[in-house]
Amino acid sequence: MERALYGPDGFFVAGPGPAAHFRTSVHASPAFAAAVARQLAVLDDALGQPDRLDVVDVGAGRGELLGALLAQAAPELAARIHPVAVERAARPAGLPPEIHWRHEIPEGITGLLLATEWLDNVPLDVATYTPDGWRLVLVDPTTGEETPGRALSLADTAWLTHWWPPPVIKEFGSGGGPDHDANPLIIGVERGQPGGWDGGWARAEVGRKRDEVWAEAVGRIERGLALAVDYGHLRDARPVDGTLTGYRDGRQVPPVPDGSCDVTAHVAIDSVASAGERVARCAYTLVSQREALRALGADGGRPPLASASRDPAGYLRALATASAVAELTDPAGLGGHWWLWQPVGVALDPLVAR
């Protein structure tokens, strides 16, 4: 996964960038950047309006969000922003010169660290639960064919034990049907032929490395806020079959790790949050994007119909904005993203919709 995404010919390094393949909140509407700009203004006040306000975008794509933030911020604030894009790819042509381009997260950040759909592309291992316990899944990088590998390390096993408990397994009964009761967590899967592999009983994505990189990112902040926006799930509702998938040219494809497609898996967001909290020593807030955007003033409500006769052009603009916000807050789509809001060394009101 590391080589397929970030190697010399990797998807995020050699290709045209994420925007050419899938639609994120950053690309969906300027309303997303406007909401983040409002959060940045609140953070700036809490920090005492420092002479230099760092804004570090990790997994910056081609710098689209930073450019939008500079355009959205008030002139006095924009003049103090020190924008840094962190990305493995080379600096894109045409990027505004004021945006700094780095391959690693800088240290001593005073300001905002952003990670929009970054953690879901941090490489991880996939495990399958078998009658012998958890085992790694090995993948042929040219065909995507999967085979069982070795048992997990002690560290990964400990992570799964705490954050992704194994499913309850019931063996098939003598009558040929799955022996299970009404508990929806119980799984009955027919065993494969002797000597073959049936794909295991269930799958899990081992998020320990994601916890570590998020904790390291939070540790780079001296004072400020770390904000991660991503697909995710919680311990009590982990997907039985995992979430690993691929994207290319706007379509979902098999996650073959050959560099031709995005390979992604949802984030165990509660585990990541716990790792960041241990470093920041400050309480975090975990809310849906729908709730977060509403807390930041983007509610997606339609403009009053009466305004159409008074100001037709203004009404159409407001209607377009409301439609874009509705996409960002749709709980079945982008609105279902998690916002992990982690302050570091600064007092901020929790991000809660009013």
Protein backbone atom coordinates (compact mmCIF):
# COMPACT_ATOMS: atom_id res chain seq x y z
CA MET A 1 0.00 0.00 0.00
CA GLU A 2 2.87 2.36 0.80
CA ARG A 3 4.52 1.71 -2.55
CA ALA A 4 1.24 1.82 -4.47
CA LEU A 5 0.29 5.22 -3.06
CA TYR A 6 3.60 6.96 -2.37
CA GLY A 7 6.33 5.14 -4.29
CA PRO A 8 8.05 6.74 -7.33
CA ASP A 9 5.14 5.66 -9.55
CA GLY A 10 2.54 5.81 -6.78
CA PHE A 11 -0.99 7.04 -7.21
CA PHE A 12 -0.51 10.24 -5.19
CA VAL A 13 3.00 10.96 -6.46
CA ALA A 14 2.98 10.36 -10.21
CA GLY A 15 -0.65 11.07 -11.10
CA PRO A 16 -2.62 14.28 -11.69
CA GLY A 17 -3.80 14.50 -8.08
CA PRO A 18 -6.84 13.38 -6.07
CA ALA A 19 -9.26 15.86 -7.68
CA ALA A 20 -8.96 14.00 -10.98
CA HIS A 21 -10.26 10.79 -9.41
CA PHE A 22 -12.69 11.51 -6.58
CA ARG A 23 -14.72 14.33 -5.06
CA THR A 24 -13.85 15.48 -1.56
CA SER A 25 -15.40 18.19 0.59
CA VAL A 26 -12.59 20.51 -0.47
CA HIS A 27 -13.54 20.15 -4.12
CA ALA A 28 -17.32 19.99 -3.60
CA SER A 29 -17.95 23.57 -2.52
CA PRO A 30 -16.26 26.79 -1.34
CA ALA A 31 -18.61 26.50 1.67
CA PHE A 32 -16.23 23.95 3.18
CA ALA A 33 -13.27 26.33 3.04
CA ALA A 34 -15.49 29.13 4.35
CA ALA A 35 -16.40 27.05 7.41
CA VAL A 36 -12.75 26.18 8.05
CA ALA A 37 -11.89 29.88 7.66
CA ARG A 38 -14.43 30.73 10.37
CA GLN A 39 -12.85 28.11 12.64
CA LEU A 40 -9.43 29.60 11.86
CA ALA A 41 -10.61 33.08 12.86
CA VAL A 42 -11.88 31.74 16.20
CA LEU A 43 -8.55 29.96 16.76
CA ASP A 44 -6.63 33.13 15.87
CA ASP A 45 -8.46 35.07 18.57
CA ALA A 46 -7.83 32.30 21.13
CA LEU A 47 -4.12 32.39 20.30
CA GLY A 48 -3.99 36.17 20.77
CA GLN A 49 -3.66 36.96 17.06
CA PRO A 50 0.01 35.99 16.66
CA ASP A 51 2.21 37.74 14.10
CA ARG A 52 2.48 34.44 12.24
CA LEU A 53 -0.44 32.02 12.15
CA ASP A 54 0.57 28.62 10.77
CA VAL A 55 -1.91 26.72 8.64
CA VAL A 56 -0.52 23.29 7.77
CA ASP A 57 -2.52 21.10 5.37
CA VAL A 58 -1.37 17.46 5.58
CA GLY A 59 -2.22 15.44 2.50
CA ALA A 60 -2.78 18.70 0.65
CA GLY A 61 -3.44 17.26 -2.79
CA ARG A 62 -2.48 20.10 -5.08
CA GLY A 63 -2.95 22.86 -2.49
CA GLU A 64 -6.60 23.59 -3.28
CA LEU A 65 -7.77 24.04 0.32
CA LEU A 66 -4.96 26.41 1.29
CA GLY A 67 -5.64 28.56 -1.76
CA ALA A 68 -9.33 28.70 -0.87
CA LEU A 69 -8.59 29.57 2.76
CA LEU A 70 -6.35 32.48 1.76
CA ALA A 71 -9.14 33.76 -0.47
CA GLN A 72 -11.81 33.33 2.23
CA ALA A 73 -9.90 34.86 5.17
CA ALA A 74 -10.25 38.53 6.04
CA PRO A 75 -7.33 40.59 4.61
CA GLU A 76 -5.79 41.30 8.02
CA LEU A 77 -5.85 37.61 8.90
CA ALA A 78 -4.69 36.43 5.49
CA ALA A 79 -1.64 38.69 5.77
CA ARG A 80 -0.51 36.78 8.90
CA ILE A 81 -1.23 33.27 7.64
CA HIS A 82 1.82 31.09 6.96
CA PRO A 83 0.38 28.38 4.68
CA VAL A 84 2.22 25.06 4.40
CA ALA A 85 1.16 22.19 2.14
CA VAL A 86 2.48 18.76 3.18
CA GLU A 87 2.41 16.25 0.34
CA ARG A 88 4.64 13.50 -1.08
CA ALA A 89 4.23 14.70 -4.68
CA ALA A 90 6.36 17.43 -6.23
CA ARG A 91 5.19 21.03 -5.96
CA PRO A 92 2.56 21.59 -8.64
CA ALA A 93 3.02 24.23 -11.30
CA GLY A 94 0.97 27.37 -10.78
CA LEU A 95 0.70 27.05 -7.00
CA PRO A 96 0.64 30.54 -5.42
CA PRO A 97 4.17 31.39 -4.26
CA GLU A 98 3.03 32.23 -0.74
CA ILE A 99 2.08 28.57 -0.16
CA HIS A 100 5.08 26.64 1.14
CA TRP A 101 5.48 23.03 -0.06
CA ARG A 102 6.98 20.34 2.17
CA HIS A 103 7.21 16.57 2.28
CA GLU A 104 7.11 16.37 6.10
CA ILE A 105 5.04 18.04 8.82
CA PRO A 106 6.98 20.97 10.33
CA GLU A 107 7.59 21.26 14.06
CA GLY A 108 6.60 24.06 16.42
CA ILE A 109 3.25 24.84 14.78
CA THR A 110 1.27 27.76 16.21
CA GLY A 111 -2.06 27.64 14.47
CA LEU A 112 -4.09 25.05 12.60
CA LEU A 113 -3.10 21.59 11.38
CA LEU A 114 -5.58 20.21 8.83
CA ALA A 115 -5.92 16.62 7.68
CA THR A 116 -8.85 16.29 5.27
CA GLU A 117 -9.09 12.74 3.99
CA TRP A 118 -5.43 12.07 4.83
CA LEU A 119 -5.70 9.35 7.48
CA ASP A 120 -7.73 7.05 5.22
CA ASN A 121 -4.69 6.93 2.93
CA VAL A 122 -2.13 6.22 5.65
CA PRO A 123 -1.00 2.68 4.75
CA LEU A 124 -2.15 -0.12 7.01
CA ASP A 125 -2.30 -3.90 7.20
CA VAL A 126 -5.48 -5.91 6.73
CA ALA A 127 -6.14 -8.93 8.92
CA THR A 128 -8.58 -11.80 8.57
CA TYR A 129 -10.08 -13.69 11.47
CA THR A 130 -9.68 -17.44 11.02
CA PRO A 131 -10.25 -20.43 13.31
CA ASP A 132 -6.58 -19.96 14.28
CA GLY A 133 -7.06 -16.28 15.18
CA TRP A 134 -6.10 -13.10 13.33
CA ARG A 135 -3.72 -13.44 10.37
CA LEU A 136 -2.37 -10.88 7.92
CA VAL A 137 -3.83 -10.73 4.42
CA LEU A 138 -1.20 -10.82 1.67
CA VAL A 139 -2.04 -9.24 -1.69
CA ASP A 140 -0.49 -9.83 -5.10
CA PRO A 141 0.25 -6.24 -6.27
CA THR A 142 -0.43 -7.08 -9.92
CA THR A 143 -3.63 -9.10 -9.67
CA GLY A 144 -5.07 -8.25 -6.26
CA GLU A 145 -5.28 -11.94 -5.36
CA GLU A 146 -5.33 -12.44 -1.60
CA THR A 147 -3.77 -15.22 0.47
CA PRO A 148 -3.40 -15.69 4.23
CA GLY A 149 -0.10 -14.68 5.82
CA ARG A 150 1.57 -14.92 9.17
CA ALA A 151 0.00 -14.26 12.54
CA LEU A 152 -0.13 -10.63 13.65
CA SER A 153 2.58 -9.04 15.77
CA LEU A 154 1.94 -8.66 19.47
CA ALA A 155 1.47 -4.89 19.04
CA ASP A 156 -1.11 -5.30 16.27
CA THR A 157 -2.88 -8.07 18.16
CA ALA A 158 -3.11 -5.84 21.22
CA TRP A 159 -4.54 -3.03 19.08
CA LEU A 160 -7.18 -5.31 17.57
CA THR A 161 -8.06 -6.80 20.94
CA HIS A 162 -8.84 -3.35 22.30
CA TRP A 163 -10.14 -1.47 19.26
CA TRP A 164 -11.49 -4.14 16.89
CA PRO A 165 -12.72 -7.16 18.88
CA PRO A 166 -13.13 -10.37 16.84
CA PRO A 167 -16.60 -11.40 15.73
CA VAL A 168 -18.59 -14.09 17.47
CA ILE A 169 -18.22 -17.25 15.40
CA LYS A 170 -20.67 -20.12 15.17
CA GLU A 171 -19.72 -23.22 13.19
CA PHE A 172 -22.06 -24.76 10.64
CA GLY A 173 -24.44 -27.32 12.07
CA SER A 174 -24.83 -30.88 10.86
CA GLY A 175 -27.96 -29.92 8.95
CA GLY A 176 -25.95 -27.85 6.49
CA GLY A 177 -27.28 -24.45 7.51
CA PRO A 178 -25.50 -21.80 9.59
CA ASP A 179 -26.03 -22.32 13.28
CA HIS A 180 -26.80 -18.84 14.50
CA ASP A 181 -29.42 -17.12 16.59
CA ALA A 182 -31.04 -13.70 16.26
CA ASN A 183 -27.91 -11.80 17.33
CA PRO A 184 -26.83 -9.86 14.22
CA LEU A 185 -23.19 -9.93 15.33
CA ILE A 186 -23.00 -13.72 14.98
CA ILE A 187 -21.53 -14.87 11.70
CA GLY A 188 -21.86 -18.21 9.98
CA VAL A 189 -19.47 -18.73 7.06
CA GLU A 190 -18.98 -22.02 5.29
CA ARG A 191 -15.44 -23.36 5.53
CA GLY A 192 -13.42 -23.66 2.35
CA GLN A 193 -12.24 -26.92 0.85
CA PRO A 194 -9.32 -28.68 2.55
CA GLY A 195 -6.09 -26.98 1.53
CA GLY A 196 -7.89 -23.93 0.20
CA TRP A 197 -8.67 -20.56 1.73
CA ASP A 198 -12.17 -19.14 2.03
CA GLY A 199 -11.09 -15.59 2.84
CA GLY A 200 -11.37 -16.01 6.58
CA TRP A 201 -14.31 -15.36 8.87
CA ALA A 202 -14.12 -11.56 8.96
CA ARG A 203 -11.71 -8.76 8.16
CA ALA A 204 -10.21 -5.88 10.09
CA GLU A 205 -7.99 -2.96 9.17
CA VAL A 206 -5.19 -2.59 11.70
CA GLY A 207 -5.18 1.10 12.62
CA ARG A 208 -2.17 1.18 14.93
CA LYS A 209 0.05 2.99 12.40
CA ARG A 210 -2.63 5.60 11.84
CA ASP A 211 -2.78 6.23 15.58
CA GLU A 212 0.97 6.72 15.58
CA VAL A 213 1.12 9.17 12.67
CA TRP A 214 -1.77 11.21 14.07
CA ALA A 215 -0.15 11.34 17.50
CA GLU A 216 3.08 12.47 15.84
CA ALA A 217 1.22 15.16 13.88
CA VAL A 218 -0.49 16.46 17.02
CA GLY A 219 2.91 16.47 18.72
CA ARG A 220 4.19 18.94 16.10
CA ILE A 221 1.77 21.58 17.40
CA GLU A 222 3.10 23.96 20.03
CA ARG A 223 -0.24 25.77 20.45
CA GLY A 224 -3.24 25.46 18.25
CA LEU A 225 -5.74 23.00 16.82
CA ALA A 226 -5.48 19.73 14.94
CA LEU A 227 -8.49 18.99 12.73
CA ALA A 228 -8.96 15.67 10.93
CA VAL A 229 -11.90 15.19 8.55
CA ASP A 230 -12.38 11.67 7.24
CA TYR A 231 -14.47 8.58 6.67
CA GLY A 232 -14.54 6.51 9.84
CA HIS A 233 -16.27 4.17 12.26
CA LEU A 234 -16.45 3.54 16.00
CA ARG A 235 -15.55 0.49 18.09
CA ASP A 236 -19.13 -0.64 18.63
CA ALA A 237 -19.89 -0.59 14.90
CA ARG A 238 -16.79 -1.85 13.10
CA PRO A 239 -17.65 -3.26 9.66
CA VAL A 240 -17.44 -7.06 9.68
CA ASP A 241 -15.88 -7.21 6.21
CA GLY A 242 -13.71 -4.11 6.55
CA THR A 243 -13.78 -1.12 4.21
CA LEU A 244 -10.71 -1.48 1.98
CA THR A 245 -11.51 -0.30 -1.55
CA GLY A 246 -10.09 1.54 -4.55
CA TYR A 247 -11.02 4.61 -6.60
CA ARG A 248 -10.02 5.65 -10.09
CA ASP A 249 -11.53 8.22 -12.48
CA GLY A 250 -14.46 8.85 -10.17
CA ARG A 251 -15.43 5.19 -9.87
CA GLN A 252 -15.02 2.57 -7.17
CA VAL A 253 -12.67 -0.20 -8.31
CA PRO A 254 -10.99 -3.25 -6.72
CA PRO A 255 -8.14 -2.13 -4.41
CA VAL A 256 -5.29 -3.60 -6.44
CA PRO A 257 -2.08 -2.01 -5.05
CA ASP A 258 -0.34 -1.46 -8.41
CA GLY A 259 -0.27 2.36 -8.33
CA SER A 260 -3.12 2.78 -10.80
CA CYS A 261 -5.81 3.62 -8.23
CA ASP A 262 -6.38 5.07 -4.81
CA VAL A 263 -6.29 2.39 -2.11
CA THR A 264 -8.17 3.51 0.96
CA ALA A 265 -9.82 2.24 4.13
CA HIS A 266 -12.03 4.05 6.62
CA VAL A 267 -10.46 5.29 9.85
CA ALA A 268 -10.98 3.82 13.33
CA ILE A 269 -11.62 7.39 14.35
CA ASP A 270 -12.10 6.77 18.09
CA SER A 271 -8.72 5.03 18.29
CA VAL A 272 -7.04 7.90 16.44
CA ALA A 273 -8.76 10.40 18.72
CA SER A 274 -7.53 8.60 21.82
CA ALA A 275 -3.95 8.59 20.50
CA GLY A 276 -4.07 12.34 19.83
CA GLU A 277 -5.58 13.09 23.23
CA ARG A 278 -2.71 11.31 24.99
CA VAL A 279 -0.25 13.65 23.28
CA ALA A 280 -2.27 16.88 23.47
CA ARG A 281 -3.47 16.31 27.06
CA CYS A 282 -6.62 18.20 26.08
CA ALA A 283 -10.11 16.84 25.51
CA TYR A 284 -11.15 16.32 21.90
CA THR A 285 -14.48 16.73 20.14
CA LEU A 286 -15.74 14.10 17.70
CA VAL A 287 -18.78 15.06 15.62
CA SER A 288 -20.17 14.42 12.16
CA GLN A 289 -19.38 16.86 9.38
CA ARG A 290 -23.07 17.74 9.29
CA GLU A 291 -22.96 18.87 12.92
CA ALA A 292 -19.58 20.57 12.54
CA LEU A 293 -20.59 22.66 9.54
CA ARG A 294 -23.79 23.71 11.26
CA ALA A 295 -21.76 24.77 14.29
CA LEU A 296 -19.65 26.90 11.94
CA GLY A 297 -22.65 28.58 10.34
CA ALA A 298 -23.28 26.43 7.26
CA ASP A 299 -26.75 24.92 7.56
CA GLY A 300 -27.77 24.36 3.93
CA GLY A 301 -31.16 26.03 4.38
CA ARG A 302 -32.92 27.30 1.27
CA PRO A 303 -33.15 31.10 0.91
CA PRO A 304 -36.63 32.63 1.37
CA LEU A 305 -38.64 32.33 -1.82
CA ALA A 306 -39.83 35.92 -1.40
CA SER A 307 -36.30 37.15 -2.08
CA ALA A 308 -36.47 35.76 -5.62
CA SER A 309 -38.66 38.64 -6.77
CA ARG A 310 -36.62 41.33 -5.00
CA ASP A 311 -33.18 40.07 -6.02
CA PRO A 312 -33.35 37.25 -8.58
CA ALA A 313 -29.58 37.03 -9.09
CA GLY A 314 -28.93 37.04 -5.35
CA TYR A 315 -31.58 34.40 -4.82
CA LEU A 316 -29.97 32.12 -7.41
CA ARG A 317 -26.55 32.56 -5.81
CA ALA A 318 -27.97 31.78 -2.38
CA LEU A 319 -29.81 28.77 -3.77
CA ALA A 320 -26.59 27.43 -5.34
CA THR A 321 -24.77 27.89 -2.04
CA ALA A 322 -27.54 26.09 -0.16
CA SER A 323 -27.38 23.19 -2.61
CA ALA A 324 -23.62 22.91 -2.18
CA VAL A 325 -23.92 22.97 1.62
CA ALA A 326 -26.66 20.34 1.40
CA GLU A 327 -24.16 18.06 -0.37
CA LEU A 328 -21.56 18.72 2.31
CA THR A 329 -24.02 17.93 5.10
CA ASP A 330 -25.82 14.95 3.56
CA PRO A 331 -25.47 12.22 6.25
CA ALA A 332 -25.44 9.55 3.53
CA GLY A 333 -22.47 11.21 1.82
CA LEU A 334 -19.91 13.84 2.79
CA GLY A 335 -21.98 14.87 5.81
CA GLY A 336 -21.24 11.46 7.33
CA HIS A 337 -17.54 12.25 7.63
CA TRP A 338 -16.15 12.57 11.13
CA TRP A 339 -14.55 15.78 12.36
CA LEU A 340 -11.89 15.09 14.98
CA TRP A 341 -11.23 18.42 16.69
CA GLN A 342 -8.15 18.34 18.95
CA PRO A 343 -6.96 21.54 20.66
CA VAL A 344 -3.38 21.73 21.92
CA GLY A 345 -2.34 24.22 24.62
CA VAL A 346 -5.21 26.60 23.92
CA ALA A 347 -8.70 27.10 25.39
CA LEU A 348 -11.45 26.69 22.79
CA ASP A 349 -15.18 26.10 23.13
CA PRO A 350 -16.09 22.59 21.93
CA LEU A 351 -17.29 22.33 18.36
CA VAL A 352 -21.00 21.73 18.94
CA ALA A 353 -23.89 22.84 16.72
CA ARG A 354 -26.00 25.57 18.27
